[in-house]
Amino acid sequence: MDPRTILNTLKEASPFDLFLISFLLLPFIFKAWLGLLNNLDFSISAQYWSLGLILLFYLAGVIAMLLSSQREQQRERARDIIVQYLISKGYEMVFFDRIREKINSLYSDIFLETLPSQFPNEIRKAKLKGAKPG
């Protein structure tokens, strides 16, 4: 199988899909870690402590993945809403203040400034009247 196919499949998989697959593979991975630790002549208690640490790293990775996924979904939702707002009003540009006023008052300048770098084909930065960001 082509490595690019595997990489594209992983990119398109949902966080739940990735978690489920990794959870199902966990016993096999633990067995491999146990074999490695056994070859290093770790005592039984050291092996279990090591497996506990590996499990903690795994859980931290899952949590980080879920948080990242939520941020990505929030950015995608913001992009879609802003683009729809522009289309519905017939605008090509909009002030950040107008976005907060009409769409979501919780969007910070920092959050809005990250959208063009995340979605360069749909949104771009602009300086509007008074050198305000938009």
C-alpha atoms as a PDB file:
ATOM      1  CA  MET A   1       0.000   0.000   0.000  1.00  0.00           C
ATOM      2  CA  ASP A   2       1.210   3.481  -0.882  1.00  0.00           C
ATOM      3  CA  PRO A   3       2.270   5.557   2.185  1.00  0.00           C
ATOM      4  CA  ARG A   4       0.441   8.605   0.773  1.00  0.00           C
ATOM      5  CA  THR A   5      -2.813   6.622   0.759  1.00  0.00           C
ATOM      6  CA  ILE A   6      -2.342   5.737   4.419  1.00  0.00           C
ATOM      7  CA  LEU A   7      -1.485   9.347   5.305  1.00  0.00           C
ATOM      8  CA  ASN A   8      -4.534  10.702   3.432  1.00  0.00           C
ATOM      9  CA  THR A   9      -6.770   8.147   5.135  1.00  0.00           C
ATOM     10  CA  LEU A  10      -5.471   9.213   8.542  1.00  0.00           C
ATOM     11  CA  LYS A  11      -5.991  12.889   7.697  1.00  0.00           C
ATOM     12  CA  GLU A  12      -9.596  12.249   6.692  1.00  0.00           C
ATOM     13  CA  ALA A  13     -10.402  10.084   9.725  1.00  0.00           C
ATOM     14  CA  SER A  14     -12.375  11.622  12.554  1.00  0.00           C
ATOM     15  CA  PRO A  15     -10.820  11.856  16.021  1.00  0.00           C
ATOM     16  CA  PHE A  16     -13.235   9.162  17.204  1.00  0.00           C
ATOM     17  CA  ASP A  17     -12.087   6.826  14.401  1.00  0.00           C
ATOM     18  CA  LEU A  18      -8.450   7.378  15.344  1.00  0.00           C
ATOM     19  CA  PHE A  19      -9.187   6.840  19.028  1.00  0.00           C
ATOM     20  CA  LEU A  20     -11.146   3.640  18.359  1.00  0.00           C
ATOM     21  CA  ILE A  21      -8.416   2.166  16.172  1.00  0.00           C
ATOM     22  CA  SER A  22      -5.673   3.105  18.624  1.00  0.00           C
ATOM     23  CA  PHE A  23      -7.729   1.720  21.526  1.00  0.00           C
ATOM     24  CA  LEU A  24      -8.192  -1.590  19.723  1.00  0.00           C
ATOM     25  CA  LEU A  25      -4.454  -1.742  18.998  1.00  0.00           C
ATOM     26  CA  LEU A  26      -3.535  -0.872  22.591  1.00  0.00           C
ATOM     27  CA  PRO A  27      -3.192  -4.502  23.826  1.00  0.00           C
ATOM     28  CA  PHE A  28      -0.791  -5.322  20.988  1.00  0.00           C
ATOM     29  CA  ILE A  29       1.206  -2.159  21.616  1.00  0.00           C
ATOM     30  CA  PHE A  30       1.392  -2.931  25.348  1.00  0.00           C
ATOM     31  CA  LYS A  31       2.582  -6.442  24.552  1.00  0.00           C
ATOM     32  CA  ALA A  32       5.341  -4.982  22.347  1.00  0.00           C
ATOM     33  CA  TRP A  33       6.331  -2.548  25.110  1.00  0.00           C
ATOM     34  CA  LEU A  34       6.361  -5.403  27.641  1.00  0.00           C
ATOM     35  CA  GLY A  35       8.658  -7.397  25.351  1.00  0.00           C
ATOM     36  CA  LEU A  36      10.995  -4.435  25.023  1.00  0.00           C
ATOM     37  CA  LEU A  37      11.033  -3.780  28.765  1.00  0.00           C
ATOM     38  CA  ASN A  38      11.576  -7.484  29.446  1.00  0.00           C
ATOM     39  CA  ASN A  39      14.556  -7.492  27.061  1.00  0.00           C
ATOM     40  CA  LEU A  40      15.991  -4.549  28.983  1.00  0.00           C
ATOM     41  CA  ASP A  41      15.824  -6.685  32.157  1.00  0.00           C
ATOM     42  CA  PHE A  42      13.360  -4.399  33.922  1.00  0.00           C
ATOM     43  CA  SER A  43      11.801  -5.889  37.038  1.00  0.00           C
ATOM     44  CA  ILE A  44       8.075  -6.663  37.004  1.00  0.00           C
ATOM     45  CA  SER A  45       7.252  -3.574  39.069  1.00  0.00           C
ATOM     46  CA  ALA A  46       9.411  -1.381  36.803  1.00  0.00           C
ATOM     47  CA  GLN A  47       7.640  -2.845  33.762  1.00  0.00           C
ATOM     48  CA  TYR A  48       4.223  -1.988  35.199  1.00  0.00           C
ATOM     49  CA  TRP A  49       5.356   1.512  36.179  1.00  0.00           C
ATOM     50  CA  SER A  50       6.703   1.998  32.666  1.00  0.00           C
ATOM     51  CA  LEU A  51       3.433   0.779  31.149  1.00  0.00           C
ATOM     52  CA  GLY A  52       1.575   3.192  33.434  1.00  0.00           C
ATOM     53  CA  LEU A  53       3.701   6.067  32.134  1.00  0.00           C
ATOM     54  CA  ILE A  54       3.124   4.958  28.549  1.00  0.00           C
ATOM     55  CA  LEU A  55      -0.622   4.868  29.227  1.00  0.00           C
ATOM     56  CA  LEU A  56      -0.466   8.401  30.680  1.00  0.00           C
ATOM     57  CA  PHE A  57       1.341   9.638  27.549  1.00  0.00           C
ATOM     58  CA  TYR A  58      -1.303   7.908  25.439  1.00  0.00           C
ATOM     59  CA  LEU A  59      -4.134   9.580  27.359  1.00  0.00           C
ATOM     60  CA  ALA A  60      -2.403  12.971  27.131  1.00  0.00           C
ATOM     61  CA  GLY A  61      -2.083  12.474  23.371  1.00  0.00           C
ATOM     62  CA  VAL A  62      -5.768  11.581  23.025  1.00  0.00           C
ATOM     63  CA  ILE A  63      -6.795  14.658  25.025  1.00  0.00           C
ATOM     64  CA  ALA A  64      -4.491  16.909  22.974  1.00  0.00           C
ATOM     65  CA  MET A  65      -5.917  15.430  19.764  1.00  0.00           C
ATOM     66  CA  LEU A  66      -9.498  16.082  20.894  1.00  0.00           C
ATOM     67  CA  LEU A  67      -8.724  19.670  21.903  1.00  0.00           C
ATOM     68  CA  SER A  68      -6.992  20.287  18.579  1.00  0.00           C
ATOM     69  CA  SER A  69      -9.939  18.815  16.716  1.00  0.00           C
ATOM     70  CA  GLN A  70     -12.375  21.071  18.574  1.00  0.00           C
ATOM     71  CA  ARG A  71     -10.301  24.163  17.726  1.00  0.00           C
ATOM     72  CA  GLU A  72     -10.172  23.125  14.072  1.00  0.00           C
ATOM     73  CA  GLN A  73     -13.950  22.637  14.008  1.00  0.00           C
ATOM     74  CA  GLN A  74     -14.439  26.053  15.613  1.00  0.00           C
ATOM     75  CA  ARG A  75     -12.234  27.668  12.934  1.00  0.00           C
ATOM     76  CA  GLU A  76     -14.076  25.864  10.131  1.00  0.00           C
ATOM     77  CA  ARG A  77     -17.438  26.931  11.564  1.00  0.00           C
ATOM     78  CA  ALA A  78     -16.245  30.561  11.863  1.00  0.00           C
ATOM     79  CA  ARG A  79     -14.944  30.501   8.271  1.00  0.00           C
ATOM     80  CA  ASP A  80     -18.222  29.146   6.938  1.00  0.00           C
ATOM     81  CA  ILE A  81     -20.333  31.673   8.859  1.00  0.00           C
ATOM     82  CA  ILE A  82     -18.148  34.633   7.822  1.00  0.00           C
ATOM     83  CA  VAL A  83     -18.123  33.594   4.158  1.00  0.00           C
ATOM     84  CA  GLN A  84     -21.901  33.123   4.213  1.00  0.00           C
ATOM     85  CA  TYR A  85     -22.322  36.543   5.820  1.00  0.00           C
ATOM     86  CA  LEU A  86     -20.186  38.162   3.113  1.00  0.00           C
ATOM     87  CA  ILE A  87     -22.087  36.388   0.341  1.00  0.00           C
ATOM     88  CA  SER A  88     -25.530  37.176   1.774  1.00  0.00           C
ATOM     89  CA  LYS A  89     -24.707  40.889   2.114  1.00  0.00           C
ATOM     90  CA  GLY A  90     -22.822  41.096  -1.182  1.00  0.00           C
ATOM     91  CA  TYR A  91     -19.659  42.228   0.625  1.00  0.00           C
ATOM     92  CA  GLU A  92     -16.090  41.468  -0.250  1.00  0.00           C
ATOM     93  CA  MET A  93     -14.595  42.756   3.015  1.00  0.00           C
ATOM     94  CA  VAL A  94     -15.738  43.174   6.598  1.00  0.00           C
ATOM     95  CA  PHE A  95     -14.288  44.747   9.771  1.00  0.00           C
ATOM     96  CA  PHE A  96     -13.414  42.489  12.688  1.00  0.00           C
ATOM     97  CA  ASP A  97     -15.699  44.678  14.798  1.00  0.00           C
ATOM     98  CA  ARG A  98     -18.592  44.014  12.403  1.00  0.00           C
ATOM     99  CA  ILE A  99     -17.911  40.266  12.595  1.00  0.00           C
ATOM    100  CA  ARG A 100     -18.119  40.465  16.382  1.00  0.00           C
ATOM    101  CA  GLU A 101     -21.254  42.616  16.194  1.00  0.00           C
ATOM    102  CA  LYS A 102     -23.150  40.544  13.627  1.00  0.00           C
ATOM    103  CA  ILE A 103     -21.760  37.022  13.980  1.00  0.00           C
ATOM    104  CA  ASN A 104     -20.061  36.237  17.296  1.00  0.00           C
ATOM    105  CA  SER A 105     -19.002  38.701  19.969  1.00  0.00           C
ATOM    106  CA  LEU A 106     -16.513  36.200  21.420  1.00  0.00           C
ATOM    107  CA  TYR A 107     -14.227  36.143  18.360  1.00  0.00           C
ATOM    108  CA  SER A 108     -10.976  37.850  19.326  1.00  0.00           C
ATOM    109  CA  ASP A 109      -8.685  39.670  16.907  1.00  0.00           C
ATOM    110  CA  ILE A 110      -6.113  36.905  17.406  1.00  0.00           C
ATOM    111  CA  PHE A 111      -8.668  34.225  16.510  1.00  0.00           C
ATOM    112  CA  LEU A 112      -9.846  36.141  13.436  1.00  0.00           C
ATOM    113  CA  GLU A 113      -6.266  36.782  12.310  1.00  0.00           C
ATOM    114  CA  THR A 114      -5.553  33.029  12.305  1.00  0.00           C
ATOM    115  CA  LEU A 115      -8.382  32.254   9.876  1.00  0.00           C
ATOM    116  CA  PRO A 116      -6.651  33.478   6.679  1.00  0.00           C
ATOM    117  CA  SER A 117      -3.577  31.362   7.388  1.00  0.00           C
ATOM    118  CA  GLN A 118      -5.780  28.325   8.031  1.00  0.00           C
ATOM    119  CA  PHE A 119      -7.994  28.890   4.978  1.00  0.00           C
ATOM    120  CA  PRO A 120      -5.977  30.932   2.464  1.00  0.00           C
ATOM    121  CA  ASN A 121      -8.223  30.000  -0.471  1.00  0.00           C
ATOM    122  CA  GLU A 122     -11.400  31.298   1.173  1.00  0.00           C
ATOM    123  CA  ILE A 123     -10.356  34.215   3.411  1.00  0.00           C
ATOM    124  CA  ARG A 124      -7.634  36.830   3.253  1.00  0.00           C
ATOM    125  CA  LYS A 125      -6.556  39.716   5.475  1.00  0.00           C
ATOM    126  CA  ALA A 126      -7.439  43.267   4.561  1.00  0.00           C
ATOM    127  CA  LYS A 127      -6.850  46.759   5.931  1.00  0.00           C
ATOM    128  CA  LEU A 128     -10.060  48.721   5.726  1.00  0.00           C
ATOM    129  CA  LYS A 129     -10.859  52.413   6.324  1.00  0.00           C
ATOM    130  CA  GLY A 130      -8.959  53.846   9.240  1.00  0.00           C
ATOM    131  CA  ALA A 131      -6.397  51.026   8.996  1.00  0.00           C
ATOM    132  CA  LYS A 132      -8.756  48.753  10.924  1.00  0.00           C
ATOM    133  CA  PRO A 133      -8.236  45.037  10.511  1.00  0.00           C
ATOM    134  CA  GLY A 134     -10.694  43.101   8.443  1.00  0.00           C
END
